Amino acid sequence: MNGLEASLVRDAGIAPEVLDRARERLRDGKDLGEVLLEMGAVSALRWAQIVASYYGLPFVEQLPAETVAPELLVRLPIQFAKRHNLLPIAVDGDVVVVATGNPSAIGPIDDLRLVFGRTIRAVVAPAAAIAEAINRAYDRAAGSTAELVSGLDEERLDLIATELEEPQDLLDASDEAPIIRLVNQLIFQAVKDRASDIHIEPFERELVVRFRIDGILYDIVKPPKRFQPIIVSRVKIMAGLNIAEKRLPQDGRIRTKIAGKDVDIRVSVIPTAFGERIVMRLLERTATLLELEQLGLVGQNLKTVQRLVRQSHGIILVTGPTGSGKTTTLYAALQKINSNEKNIITIEDPIEYQLAGVGQMQVNPKIELTFASGLRSILRQDPDVIMVGEIRDVETAEIAIHAALTGHLVFSTLHTNDSFGAVTRLVDMGIEPFLVSSSVNAVMAQRLVRRVCTACRAAYAPSAEQLREVGIDPQRVTGNVYRPGGGCAECKHTGYRGRIGIHELLIVDDEVRALIMKNADAATIRRSATSRGMPTLREDGAQKVLDGLTTIEEVIRVTQEDLVVE
């Protein structure tokens, strides 16, 4: 038994036989500490304290990333820091202080001496604290996109432009190349700002980069127009696209990790009059899936949806325009009913989030795997619940209805402006009205409104006219109504932070079924449902205004197209 093991027995109370079992499990380059942590024999904090004591080094429990000097991080790749679980945290004269979880690993610490050209002094910290501090420190150290653009070196970029003629040279380019740093920083900044999309848009005399944050596009930076082909080529290389093809649209995908987060990026490139236009859709693979209660569903709507998702058969449709959160709602519904007793299978385009315990199939038109053909195969997999990413054609609709009528619960989405138009859309596709009325259980339309920032919002007294515009009786206002304040760092000076759903839920009951059988139009179905107390999208939005969650302007913005002229 060596000195460290004796310390574990003496100071941590670990039995010798536990150490024997740990030694037997040492493999794949793991050290004793990792094995003991896996076994639950010692906590990460206690292990770090014992190691620090054994090697006679200072112990640090917390590592504030704010104190890490950015100039240290510029010279140390984040991959190296993560792989060896160490972080330079301070400069003391000619000495660099480095936090490590494993001071016995002399090699990486000696590498730092060469990188910084200074003496290294180690302190010991828990491995988890170091990993978290690495993410936060590199997050803070990254310069702004605008600074990168203003610092572009013309001569060096001209060199890169010539290298682009040979794609292999570009792949071998240093990560310090300004254009590579610019594209990396754009993606990093988008993740940091909670953007859902990055737009790189060429115009006659300028190149504009915009982020979509909470559903609204914001201008972020305008790189010099002359660098447009290099930026486009860099994104294409990252997405595995053909940089020589500039005449046809292309679609690709980038998988990357940013500050410890796995991010999938869907890349779309199309040719325009002034060059190729790029849109990158960001999907954070490690993002936590929302529960139904977090989507904005409240009161009777929430209770009804919770009951609907537990039905044994039928179709539940979610409708709304692109980007209105339909897929997120379906994932939340699947999460609610996901269990070992149910066989749940989805067919999606694309798979946006991984669902544990759920079979997920990706549409692939290149090999003729469409929603319709995939759905046929799913029905032979003995499913209890099926999710179809979108009903786009009559064939998919017919198979989904057949599945619902043969004892399966089917979730899907449809592009209509409101819930009332969904049933008529199915009939317009060519589905017989009696099939629609007997298979569809409910249709939920939704929109996303921006949440007013709670840190800088301002209470005010809207006029009676403003209140009535969203259907609020002025006498119902008992609390505060808010509008965006002056903006703050929390909301990036926009006045809004995050989004919440507003919904209308049409239950296909006997009266609605009778109207569908008569081929009634959407307006007739609307009048019937609302006359019996069904809240519309705008009315649900109005309630969220009264609850202080959003603003009158937001509700009007997203429901404007739903106004009905009687």
Protein backbone atom coordinates (compact mmCIF):
# COMPACT_ATOMS: atom_id res chain seq x y z
CA MET A 1 0.00 0.00 0.00
CA ASN A 2 1.55 3.29 -1.12
CA GLY A 3 1.37 6.63 0.68
CA LEU A 4 -1.71 7.89 -1.17
CA GLU A 5 -3.61 4.67 -0.48
CA ALA A 6 -2.60 4.88 3.19
CA SER A 7 -4.01 8.42 3.29
CA LEU A 8 -7.28 7.15 1.82
CA VAL A 9 -7.55 4.47 4.50
CA ARG A 10 -6.55 6.86 7.29
CA ASP A 11 -8.29 10.11 6.26
CA ALA A 12 -11.23 8.99 4.12
CA GLY A 13 -12.05 5.81 6.04
CA ILE A 14 -11.88 3.60 2.93
CA ALA A 15 -11.55 -0.08 3.80
CA PRO A 16 -8.46 -1.89 2.42
CA GLU A 17 -10.68 -4.45 0.68
CA VAL A 18 -12.40 -1.58 -1.21
CA LEU A 19 -8.99 -0.40 -2.38
CA ASP A 20 -8.21 -3.95 -3.52
CA ARG A 21 -11.39 -4.02 -5.63
CA ALA A 22 -10.56 -0.57 -7.05
CA ARG A 23 -7.07 -1.71 -8.08
CA GLU A 24 -8.61 -4.69 -9.90
CA ARG A 25 -10.79 -2.29 -11.93
CA LEU A 26 -7.92 -0.04 -13.04
CA ARG A 27 -7.98 -0.07 -16.84
CA ASP A 28 -8.28 2.09 -19.94
CA GLY A 29 -5.91 4.69 -18.54
CA LYS A 30 -8.12 5.48 -15.53
CA ASP A 31 -6.47 6.44 -12.29
CA LEU A 32 -7.37 5.27 -8.79
CA GLY A 33 -9.41 8.39 -8.06
CA GLU A 34 -11.68 7.90 -11.10
CA VAL A 35 -12.35 4.30 -10.16
CA LEU A 36 -13.11 5.17 -6.52
CA LEU A 37 -15.49 7.91 -7.68
CA GLU A 38 -17.28 5.45 -10.00
CA MET A 39 -17.61 3.01 -7.10
CA GLY A 40 -18.99 5.75 -4.86
CA ALA A 41 -16.28 5.03 -2.31
CA VAL A 42 -15.23 8.68 -2.03
CA SER A 43 -16.68 12.04 -3.06
CA ALA A 44 -14.95 14.25 -5.65
CA LEU A 45 -14.43 16.96 -3.03
CA ARG A 46 -12.91 14.58 -0.49
CA TRP A 47 -10.67 12.99 -3.11
CA ALA A 48 -9.29 16.38 -4.15
CA GLN A 49 -8.62 17.32 -0.51
CA ILE A 50 -6.73 14.08 0.13
CA VAL A 51 -4.67 14.44 -3.06
CA ALA A 52 -3.78 18.04 -2.18
CA SER A 53 -2.73 16.99 1.30
CA TYR A 54 -0.68 14.05 0.02
CA TYR A 55 1.26 16.15 -2.52
CA GLY A 56 1.57 19.13 -0.16
CA LEU A 57 -0.28 21.47 -2.55
CA PRO A 58 -2.89 24.16 -1.81
CA PHE A 59 -6.53 23.07 -2.13
CA VAL A 60 -9.12 25.30 -3.86
CA GLU A 61 -12.79 24.32 -3.71
CA GLN A 62 -14.22 27.01 -6.03
CA LEU A 63 -12.66 28.49 -9.18
CA PRO A 64 -14.20 31.85 -10.12
CA ALA A 65 -13.86 32.04 -13.92
CA GLU A 66 -14.00 35.84 -13.70
CA THR A 67 -10.50 35.96 -12.24
CA VAL A 68 -8.86 33.91 -15.03
CA ALA A 69 -6.66 36.12 -17.20
CA PRO A 70 -7.95 35.94 -20.84
CA GLU A 71 -4.40 36.19 -22.23
CA LEU A 72 -3.66 32.79 -20.65
CA LEU A 73 -6.61 31.12 -22.38
CA VAL A 74 -5.76 32.54 -25.81
CA ARG A 75 -2.61 30.40 -25.83
CA LEU A 76 -4.22 27.24 -24.48
CA PRO A 77 -6.76 25.32 -26.62
CA ILE A 78 -9.93 24.40 -24.74
CA GLN A 79 -9.56 20.79 -25.95
CA PHE A 80 -6.21 20.48 -24.12
CA ALA A 81 -7.66 21.99 -20.93
CA LYS A 82 -10.64 19.61 -20.97
CA ARG A 83 -8.67 16.51 -21.87
CA HIS A 84 -6.25 16.97 -18.98
CA ASN A 85 -8.72 18.69 -16.60
CA LEU A 86 -6.53 21.66 -15.81
CA LEU A 87 -6.97 25.42 -16.04
CA PRO A 88 -4.49 28.30 -15.70
CA ILE A 89 -6.14 30.60 -13.17
CA ALA A 90 -3.65 33.36 -12.35
CA VAL A 91 -0.27 34.93 -13.05
CA ASP A 92 2.00 35.65 -10.08
CA GLY A 93 5.08 37.41 -11.43
CA ASP A 94 6.89 34.84 -13.54
CA VAL A 95 4.71 32.03 -12.24
CA VAL A 96 1.45 30.76 -13.74
CA VAL A 97 -0.91 29.20 -11.19
CA VAL A 98 -2.71 26.16 -12.62
CA ALA A 99 -5.65 24.28 -11.10
CA THR A 100 -5.49 20.52 -11.65
CA GLY A 101 -7.42 17.52 -10.45
CA ASN A 102 -4.47 15.16 -10.90
CA PRO A 103 -1.08 16.62 -9.88
CA SER A 104 0.59 13.26 -10.54
CA ALA A 105 0.12 13.83 -14.29
CA ILE A 106 3.45 15.60 -14.79
CA GLY A 107 3.37 15.58 -18.62
CA PRO A 108 0.49 18.02 -19.23
CA ILE A 109 1.71 20.37 -16.48
CA ASP A 110 5.18 20.35 -18.04
CA ASP A 111 3.57 21.13 -21.43
CA LEU A 112 2.08 24.26 -19.89
CA ARG A 113 5.55 25.38 -18.83
CA LEU A 114 6.57 25.28 -22.47
CA VAL A 115 3.33 26.94 -23.69
CA PHE A 116 3.58 29.90 -21.33
CA GLY A 117 7.37 30.03 -21.00
CA ARG A 118 7.01 30.42 -17.24
CA THR A 119 7.25 28.38 -14.07
CA ILE A 120 4.05 26.47 -13.23
CA ARG A 121 2.66 26.29 -9.71
CA ALA A 122 -0.15 23.76 -9.22
CA VAL A 123 -3.15 23.93 -6.92
CA VAL A 124 -5.64 21.09 -6.53
CA ALA A 125 -9.38 21.47 -7.15
CA PRO A 126 -12.27 19.01 -7.63
CA ALA A 127 -12.46 17.77 -11.23
CA ALA A 128 -16.08 18.93 -11.64
CA ALA A 129 -15.20 22.44 -10.44
CA ILE A 130 -12.36 22.62 -12.97
CA ALA A 131 -14.58 21.41 -15.85
CA GLU A 132 -17.25 23.99 -15.02
CA ALA A 133 -14.66 26.77 -14.68
CA ILE A 134 -13.15 25.85 -18.07
CA ASN A 135 -16.50 26.31 -19.79
CA ARG A 136 -17.21 29.62 -18.04
CA ALA A 137 -13.68 30.98 -18.50
CA TYR A 138 -13.49 30.27 -22.23
CA ASP A 139 -17.01 31.68 -22.59
CA ARG A 140 -15.88 34.97 -21.03
CA ALA A 141 -12.55 35.04 -22.85
CA ALA A 142 -14.05 34.88 -26.33
CA GLY A 143 -13.90 38.30 -27.96
CA SER A 144 -16.96 39.87 -29.55
CA THR A 145 -17.78 39.16 -33.19
CA ALA A 146 -17.57 42.84 -34.04
CA GLU A 147 -14.01 43.01 -32.66
CA LEU A 148 -13.01 40.06 -34.83
CA VAL A 149 -14.43 41.71 -37.93
CA SER A 150 -12.69 45.01 -37.24
CA GLY A 151 -9.43 43.14 -36.70
CA LEU A 152 -9.41 41.21 -39.96
CA ASP A 153 -6.01 41.39 -41.61
CA GLU A 154 -6.44 42.06 -45.33
CA GLU A 155 -3.12 40.63 -46.47
CA ARG A 156 -3.58 37.43 -44.53
CA LEU A 157 -7.15 37.01 -45.79
CA ASP A 158 -6.01 37.42 -49.38
CA LEU A 159 -3.68 34.50 -48.71
CA ILE A 160 -6.59 32.44 -47.39
CA ALA A 161 -8.62 33.37 -50.48
CA THR A 162 -5.97 31.82 -52.72
CA GLU A 163 -5.81 28.73 -50.53
CA LEU A 164 -9.57 28.24 -50.98
CA GLU A 165 -8.86 27.05 -54.51
CA GLU A 166 -7.40 23.94 -52.85
CA PRO A 167 -9.94 22.70 -50.26
CA GLN A 168 -7.36 20.44 -48.61
CA ASP A 169 -5.19 23.43 -47.71
CA LEU A 170 -8.17 25.13 -46.07
CA LEU A 171 -8.87 22.09 -43.95
CA ASP A 172 -5.29 22.20 -42.72
CA ALA A 173 -5.47 25.95 -41.95
CA SER A 174 -4.63 27.05 -38.42
CA ASP A 175 -7.52 27.82 -36.10
CA GLU A 176 -5.97 31.24 -35.71
CA ALA A 177 -6.81 32.17 -39.31
CA PRO A 178 -9.08 35.23 -39.01
CA ILE A 179 -11.94 33.91 -41.15
CA ILE A 180 -11.99 30.61 -39.28
CA ARG A 181 -12.02 32.50 -36.00
CA LEU A 182 -14.81 34.75 -37.29
CA VAL A 183 -17.08 31.85 -38.29
CA ASN A 184 -16.35 30.01 -35.03
CA GLN A 185 -17.11 33.17 -33.09
CA LEU A 186 -20.39 33.72 -34.95
CA ILE A 187 -21.55 30.25 -33.93
CA PHE A 188 -20.32 30.71 -30.37
CA GLN A 189 -22.00 34.11 -30.04
CA ALA A 190 -25.26 32.72 -31.43
CA VAL A 191 -25.31 29.95 -28.81
CA LYS A 192 -24.43 32.44 -26.08
CA ASP A 193 -27.23 34.81 -27.19
CA ARG A 194 -29.80 31.97 -27.37
CA ALA A 195 -30.23 32.47 -31.12
CA SER A 196 -32.17 29.84 -33.07
CA ASP A 197 -30.78 30.81 -36.49
CA ILE A 198 -27.77 32.55 -38.03
CA HIS A 199 -28.42 34.35 -41.33
CA ILE A 200 -25.50 35.29 -43.59
CA GLU A 201 -27.09 37.48 -46.25
CA PRO A 202 -25.31 38.97 -49.28
CA PHE A 203 -26.54 42.22 -50.83
CA GLU A 204 -25.18 44.32 -53.66
CA ARG A 205 -22.70 46.31 -51.58
CA GLU A 206 -22.67 44.62 -48.17
CA LEU A 207 -22.72 41.34 -46.31
CA VAL A 208 -25.01 41.20 -43.27
CA VAL A 209 -25.02 38.65 -40.44
CA ARG A 210 -28.24 38.45 -38.45
CA PHE A 211 -29.34 36.30 -35.51
CA ARG A 212 -32.93 35.21 -34.85
CA ILE A 213 -33.44 35.57 -31.10
CA ASP A 214 -36.84 34.82 -29.59
CA GLY A 215 -38.32 34.82 -33.09
CA ILE A 216 -37.02 38.28 -34.11
CA LEU A 217 -34.08 38.95 -36.45
CA TYR A 218 -31.35 41.31 -35.22
CA ASP A 219 -28.43 42.70 -37.23
CA ILE A 220 -25.24 41.52 -35.51
CA VAL A 221 -22.31 42.44 -37.72
CA LYS A 222 -21.44 43.46 -41.30
CA PRO A 223 -18.18 41.84 -42.44
CA PRO A 224 -16.46 43.45 -45.44
CA LYS A 225 -18.15 42.39 -48.69
CA ARG A 226 -14.83 41.21 -50.19
CA PHE A 227 -14.62 38.39 -47.64
CA GLN A 228 -18.01 36.96 -48.61
CA PRO A 229 -16.73 34.03 -50.73
CA ILE A 230 -14.24 33.02 -48.05
CA ILE A 231 -16.85 33.05 -45.28
CA VAL A 232 -19.30 31.04 -47.41
CA SER A 233 -16.61 28.51 -48.33
CA ARG A 234 -15.59 28.12 -44.69
CA VAL A 235 -19.18 27.32 -43.65
CA LYS A 236 -19.49 24.88 -46.56
CA ILE A 237 -16.30 23.09 -45.54
CA MET A 238 -17.61 22.76 -41.97
CA ALA A 239 -20.94 21.38 -43.26
CA GLY A 240 -19.33 18.96 -45.71
CA LEU A 241 -20.76 20.71 -48.78
CA ASN A 242 -19.28 21.18 -52.24
CA ILE A 243 -17.50 24.56 -52.25
CA ALA A 244 -17.17 24.48 -56.05
CA GLU A 245 -20.95 24.27 -56.57
CA LYS A 246 -22.34 27.80 -56.46
CA ARG A 247 -25.40 27.44 -58.71
CA LEU A 248 -27.57 24.96 -56.79
CA PRO A 249 -29.05 24.97 -53.27
CA GLN A 250 -27.24 22.71 -50.81
CA ASP A 251 -28.11 21.37 -47.37
CA GLY A 252 -25.62 20.12 -44.79
CA ARG A 253 -25.03 19.62 -41.12
CA ILE A 254 -22.39 20.62 -38.59
CA ARG A 255 -21.97 18.84 -35.27
CA THR A 256 -19.85 20.73 -32.80
CA LYS A 257 -19.33 21.35 -29.10
CA ILE A 258 -19.39 24.84 -27.64
CA ALA A 259 -18.52 25.51 -24.01
CA GLY A 260 -19.33 21.91 -23.15
CA LYS A 261 -22.67 21.89 -25.03
CA ASP A 262 -23.31 19.56 -27.98
CA VAL A 263 -24.80 21.65 -30.79
CA ASP A 264 -26.26 20.42 -34.08
CA ILE A 265 -26.34 23.00 -36.86
CA ARG A 266 -28.47 22.51 -39.98
CA VAL A 267 -26.98 24.49 -42.85
CA SER A 268 -28.96 25.68 -45.89
CA VAL A 269 -27.19 27.43 -48.77
CA ILE A 270 -29.06 28.95 -51.72
CA PRO A 271 -27.79 31.01 -54.68
CA THR A 272 -29.03 34.61 -54.95
CA ALA A 273 -28.35 37.51 -57.27
CA PHE A 274 -25.50 38.78 -55.06
CA GLY A 275 -23.95 35.50 -53.96
CA GLU A 276 -24.82 32.51 -51.85
CA ARG A 277 -27.08 33.05 -48.85
CA ILE A 278 -26.67 30.87 -45.75
CA VAL A 279 -29.03 30.08 -42.91
CA MET A 280 -27.80 27.96 -40.01
CA ARG A 281 -30.41 26.50 -37.64
CA LEU A 282 -28.95 25.79 -34.19
CA LEU A 283 -30.19 22.88 -32.12
CA GLU A 284 -28.68 22.29 -28.71
CA ARG A 285 -28.66 18.52 -28.35
CA THR A 286 -28.14 18.66 -24.59
CA ALA A 287 -31.01 21.11 -24.07
CA THR A 288 -33.51 20.00 -21.47
CA LEU A 289 -36.85 19.02 -22.95
CA LEU A 290 -39.70 21.11 -21.63
CA GLU A 291 -42.69 19.72 -19.77
CA LEU A 292 -46.24 20.53 -20.88
CA GLU A 293 -46.58 22.81 -17.86
CA GLN A 294 -43.61 24.91 -19.03
CA LEU A 295 -44.96 25.57 -22.51
CA GLY A 296 -47.56 28.13 -21.46
CA LEU A 297 -50.44 25.66 -21.15
CA VAL A 298 -52.50 26.58 -18.10
CA GLY A 299 -55.90 26.02 -16.57
CA GLN A 300 -58.46 24.03 -18.53
CA ASN A 301 -56.24 23.77 -21.62
CA LEU A 302 -53.52 22.03 -19.61
CA LYS A 303 -55.96 19.60 -17.97
CA THR A 304 -57.54 18.76 -21.32
CA VAL A 305 -54.18 18.15 -23.04
CA GLN A 306 -53.01 15.94 -20.17
CA ARG A 307 -56.18 13.89 -20.65
CA LEU A 308 -55.89 13.81 -24.45
CA VAL A 309 -52.31 12.47 -24.52
CA ARG A 310 -53.42 9.46 -22.48
CA GLN A 311 -56.13 8.41 -24.95
CA SER A 312 -55.70 4.95 -26.45
CA HIS A 313 -56.26 5.96 -30.08
CA GLY A 314 -57.01 8.88 -32.37
CA ILE A 315 -55.09 11.79 -33.87
CA ILE A 316 -53.94 14.88 -32.00
CA LEU A 317 -52.79 17.67 -34.31
CA VAL A 318 -50.67 20.71 -33.43
CA THR A 319 -50.87 23.54 -35.95
CA GLY A 320 -49.10 26.82 -36.53
CA PRO A 321 -46.51 28.45 -38.78
CA THR A 322 -42.86 27.43 -38.96
CA GLY A 323 -41.03 28.25 -35.74
CA SER A 324 -44.11 28.29 -33.52
CA GLY A 325 -42.90 25.44 -31.28
CA LYS A 326 -45.08 22.64 -32.65
CA THR A 327 -42.38 19.98 -32.44
CA THR A 328 -41.41 21.06 -28.92
CA THR A 329 -45.04 20.59 -27.87
CA LEU A 330 -45.15 17.11 -29.38
CA TYR A 331 -41.91 16.15 -27.60
CA ALA A 332 -43.38 17.38 -24.32
CA ALA A 333 -46.49 15.25 -24.93
CA LEU A 334 -44.36 12.17 -25.66
CA GLN A 335 -42.29 12.81 -22.53
CA LYS A 336 -45.50 12.89 -20.49
CA ILE A 337 -46.59 9.41 -21.60
CA ASN A 338 -43.19 7.78 -22.19
CA SER A 339 -42.91 4.60 -20.13
CA ASN A 340 -41.69 1.00 -20.36
CA GLU A 341 -45.26 -0.16 -21.01
CA LYS A 342 -45.57 1.83 -24.26
CA ASN A 343 -43.87 1.35 -27.61
CA ILE A 344 -43.41 4.87 -29.00
CA ILE A 345 -41.98 5.43 -32.48
CA THR A 346 -41.47 8.72 -34.33
CA ILE A 347 -40.67 9.70 -37.90
CA GLU A 348 -39.18 13.17 -38.15
CA ASP A 349 -37.46 15.56 -40.54
CA PRO A 350 -35.03 16.10 -38.89
CA ILE A 351 -34.72 14.48 -35.45
CA GLU A 352 -34.32 17.58 -33.29
CA TYR A 353 -33.92 16.03 -29.84
CA GLN A 354 -33.01 12.56 -28.63
CA LEU A 355 -35.76 10.97 -26.55
CA ALA A 356 -34.66 8.16 -24.24
CA GLY A 357 -36.76 5.04 -24.71
CA VAL A 358 -38.34 6.26 -27.97
CA GLY A 359 -37.57 4.86 -31.44
CA GLN A 360 -36.86 7.80 -33.77
CA MET A 361 -36.64 7.54 -37.56
CA GLN A 362 -35.16 10.22 -39.82
CA VAL A 363 -36.83 11.04 -43.16
CA ASN A 364 -34.41 10.62 -46.08
CA PRO A 365 -35.89 11.54 -49.50
CA LYS A 366 -32.64 10.49 -51.26
CA ILE A 367 -33.45 6.85 -50.56
CA GLU A 368 -37.23 7.42 -50.83
CA LEU A 369 -37.76 7.21 -47.08
CA THR A 370 -40.65 9.68 -46.82
CA PHE A 371 -43.16 10.29 -44.06
CA ALA A 372 -45.62 8.02 -45.85
CA SER A 373 -43.25 5.09 -46.50
CA GLY A 374 -41.72 5.39 -43.03
CA LEU A 375 -45.15 5.46 -41.42
CA ARG A 376 -46.12 2.26 -43.23
CA SER A 377 -43.07 0.53 -41.78
CA ILE A 378 -43.74 1.89 -38.30
CA LEU A 379 -47.19 0.27 -38.32
CA ARG A 380 -45.46 -3.11 -38.64
CA GLN A 381 -43.42 -2.39 -35.49
CA ASP A 382 -46.38 -2.92 -33.11
CA PRO A 383 -46.43 0.72 -31.87
CA ASP A 384 -48.75 2.11 -29.22
CA VAL A 385 -47.98 5.76 -29.98
CA ILE A 386 -46.74 7.26 -33.24
CA MET A 387 -45.44 10.75 -33.89
CA VAL A 388 -45.37 11.97 -37.49
CA GLY A 389 -43.26 15.11 -37.83
CA GLU A 390 -45.64 16.68 -40.34
CA ILE A 391 -48.61 15.72 -42.50
CA ARG A 392 -47.57 17.13 -45.87
CA ASP A 393 -49.61 15.12 -48.37
CA VAL A 394 -52.73 13.04 -48.74
CA GLU A 395 -50.82 9.75 -48.59
CA THR A 396 -49.34 10.52 -45.18
CA ALA A 397 -52.72 11.77 -43.96
CA GLU A 398 -54.48 8.58 -45.09
CA ILE A 399 -51.97 6.31 -43.36
CA ALA A 400 -52.09 8.39 -40.14
CA ILE A 401 -55.89 8.20 -40.12
CA HIS A 402 -55.78 4.46 -40.78
CA ALA A 403 -53.38 4.10 -37.83
CA ALA A 404 -55.69 6.12 -35.58
CA LEU A 405 -58.72 4.05 -36.56
CA THR A 406 -56.90 0.77 -35.86
CA GLY A 407 -56.09 1.55 -32.24
CA HIS A 408 -53.00 3.77 -32.31
CA LEU A 409 -52.52 7.20 -30.78
CA VAL A 410 -51.02 9.50 -33.43
CA PHE A 411 -49.41 12.90 -32.87
CA SER A 412 -48.61 15.14 -35.81
CA THR A 413 -48.35 18.73 -37.04
CA LEU A 414 -50.10 20.61 -39.81
CA HIS A 415 -49.43 24.05 -41.28
CA THR A 416 -52.64 26.02 -40.77
CA ASN A 417 -53.24 29.42 -39.21
CA ASP A 418 -55.66 28.20 -36.55
CA SER A 419 -57.17 25.05 -35.13
CA PHE A 420 -60.42 25.41 -37.07
CA GLY A 421 -58.71 25.32 -40.44
CA ALA A 422 -56.94 22.03 -39.71
CA VAL A 423 -59.97 19.78 -40.19
CA THR A 424 -60.98 21.56 -43.39
CA ARG A 425 -57.37 21.29 -44.65
CA LEU A 426 -57.54 17.50 -44.30
CA VAL A 427 -60.80 17.44 -46.26
CA ASP A 428 -59.26 19.71 -48.92
CA MET A 429 -56.36 17.23 -49.21
CA GLY A 430 -58.88 14.62 -50.31
CA ILE A 431 -59.66 12.83 -47.03
CA GLU A 432 -63.31 11.86 -46.69
CA PRO A 433 -65.11 13.98 -44.03
CA PHE A 434 -66.37 10.88 -42.16
CA LEU A 435 -62.76 9.66 -41.77
CA VAL A 436 -61.63 13.04 -40.43
CA SER A 437 -64.52 13.29 -37.97
CA SER A 438 -64.01 9.77 -36.63
CA SER A 439 -60.19 9.87 -36.29
CA VAL A 440 -59.22 13.39 -35.10
CA ASN A 441 -59.55 13.84 -31.33
CA ALA A 442 -58.34 17.43 -31.02
CA VAL A 443 -56.44 20.20 -32.78
CA MET A 444 -54.26 22.66 -30.90
CA ALA A 445 -53.06 25.84 -32.60
CA GLN A 446 -50.19 27.71 -31.03
CA ARG A 447 -47.93 30.74 -31.38
CA LEU A 448 -44.90 31.90 -29.44
CA VAL A 449 -44.88 35.32 -27.81
CA ARG A 450 -41.81 36.87 -26.27
CA ARG A 451 -41.69 37.04 -22.48
CA VAL A 452 -41.23 40.55 -21.17
CA CYS A 453 -37.91 40.80 -19.31
CA THR A 454 -38.62 40.66 -15.58
CA ALA A 455 -35.41 42.53 -14.78
CA CYS A 456 -36.28 45.74 -16.65
CA ARG A 457 -40.02 45.61 -17.41
CA ALA A 458 -42.10 48.67 -16.62
CA ALA A 459 -45.66 48.70 -15.33
CA TYR A 460 -48.06 51.06 -17.08
CA ALA A 461 -51.77 51.72 -17.54
CA PRO A 462 -52.81 50.88 -21.13
CA SER A 463 -55.77 52.68 -22.60
CA ALA A 464 -59.18 51.01 -22.77
CA GLU A 465 -58.80 50.90 -26.55
CA GLN A 466 -55.50 49.01 -26.34
CA LEU A 467 -57.00 46.50 -23.93
CA ARG A 468 -60.07 45.93 -26.08
CA GLU A 469 -57.84 45.34 -29.12
CA VAL A 470 -56.69 42.08 -27.53
CA GLY A 471 -60.12 41.33 -26.11
CA ILE A 472 -59.53 42.45 -22.52
CA ASP A 473 -62.38 44.13 -20.68
CA PRO A 474 -60.71 47.05 -18.81
CA GLN A 475 -62.58 46.02 -15.67
CA ARG A 476 -60.71 42.66 -15.66
CA VAL A 477 -57.38 44.43 -15.04
CA THR A 478 -56.67 44.03 -11.35
CA GLY A 479 -52.85 43.70 -11.36
CA ASN A 480 -50.02 45.29 -13.32
CA VAL A 481 -49.79 45.31 -17.11
CA TYR A 482 -46.22 45.53 -18.35
CA ARG A 483 -44.31 46.85 -21.33
CA PRO A 484 -40.59 46.53 -22.14
CA GLY A 485 -38.40 48.84 -20.08
CA GLY A 486 -35.17 50.44 -21.22
CA GLY A 487 -33.46 47.07 -21.72
CA CYS A 488 -30.67 45.53 -19.68
CA ALA A 489 -27.81 43.05 -19.92
CA GLU A 490 -30.18 40.20 -19.04
CA CYS A 491 -32.26 40.70 -22.20
CA LYS A 492 -29.49 42.05 -24.48
CA HIS A 493 -31.28 45.42 -24.33
CA THR A 494 -34.32 44.12 -26.22
CA GLY A 495 -36.83 44.27 -23.36
CA TYR A 496 -37.72 40.61 -23.85
CA ARG A 497 -36.12 37.35 -22.70
CA GLY A 498 -37.39 33.92 -23.72
CA ARG A 499 -40.72 32.93 -25.19
CA ILE A 500 -43.95 31.32 -24.04
CA GLY A 501 -46.76 29.67 -25.98
CA ILE A 502 -50.31 30.86 -26.45
CA HIS A 503 -52.80 28.21 -27.50
CA GLU A 504 -56.31 27.44 -28.69
CA LEU A 505 -57.59 23.92 -28.27
CA LEU A 506 -60.39 22.60 -30.46
CA ILE A 507 -61.93 19.39 -29.12
CA VAL A 508 -63.61 17.39 -31.88
CA ASP A 509 -66.83 16.66 -30.01
CA ASP A 510 -70.22 15.61 -31.42
CA GLU A 511 -71.13 19.11 -32.61
CA VAL A 512 -67.82 19.62 -34.42
CA ARG A 513 -68.08 16.13 -35.94
CA ALA A 514 -71.53 16.97 -37.29
CA LEU A 515 -70.18 20.15 -38.88
CA ILE A 516 -67.25 18.25 -40.45
CA MET A 517 -69.69 15.70 -41.89
CA LYS A 518 -71.63 18.60 -43.46
CA ASN A 519 -68.39 19.95 -45.03
CA ALA A 520 -68.69 23.14 -42.97
CA ASP A 521 -66.00 25.76 -43.51
CA ALA A 522 -63.51 26.88 -40.86
CA ALA A 523 -65.49 30.03 -39.99
CA THR A 524 -68.59 27.97 -39.18
CA ILE A 525 -66.60 25.60 -36.97
CA ARG A 526 -65.02 28.64 -35.26
CA ARG A 527 -68.41 30.20 -34.49
CA SER A 528 -69.72 26.92 -33.08
CA ALA A 529 -66.70 26.30 -30.84
CA THR A 530 -66.28 29.86 -29.55
CA SER A 531 -70.01 30.21 -28.84
CA ARG A 532 -69.59 27.30 -26.42
CA GLY A 533 -66.75 29.00 -24.53
CA MET A 534 -63.61 27.86 -26.35
CA PRO A 535 -60.84 30.50 -25.86
CA THR A 536 -59.11 31.62 -29.06
CA LEU A 537 -55.40 32.29 -29.51
CA ARG A 538 -55.87 35.99 -28.89
CA GLU A 539 -57.92 35.38 -25.74
CA ASP A 540 -55.25 33.05 -24.35
CA GLY A 541 -52.65 35.71 -25.17
CA ALA A 542 -54.75 38.33 -23.40
CA GLN A 543 -54.73 36.19 -20.25
CA LYS A 544 -50.94 36.03 -20.38
CA VAL A 545 -50.85 39.84 -20.64
CA LEU A 546 -52.94 40.01 -17.47
CA ASP A 547 -50.59 37.50 -15.82
CA GLY A 548 -47.64 39.85 -16.53
CA LEU A 549 -45.89 37.34 -18.81
CA THR A 550 -45.99 39.24 -22.11
CA THR A 551 -47.17 42.49 -23.65
CA ILE A 552 -50.18 43.64 -25.63
CA GLU A 553 -47.93 44.42 -28.60
CA GLU A 554 -46.58 40.86 -28.67
CA VAL A 555 -50.03 39.28 -28.65
CA ILE A 556 -51.17 41.56 -31.47
CA ARG A 557 -48.00 40.81 -33.46
CA VAL A 558 -48.41 37.03 -33.48
CA THR A 559 -52.20 36.87 -33.79
CA GLN A 560 -52.79 39.64 -36.31
CA GLU A 561 -53.53 37.22 -39.13
CA ASP A 562 -56.19 35.51 -37.05
CA LEU A 563 -58.56 38.46 -36.88
CA VAL A 564 -61.93 37.56 -38.33
CA VAL A 565 -64.15 40.14 -40.00
CA GLU A 566 -67.74 39.31 -39.26
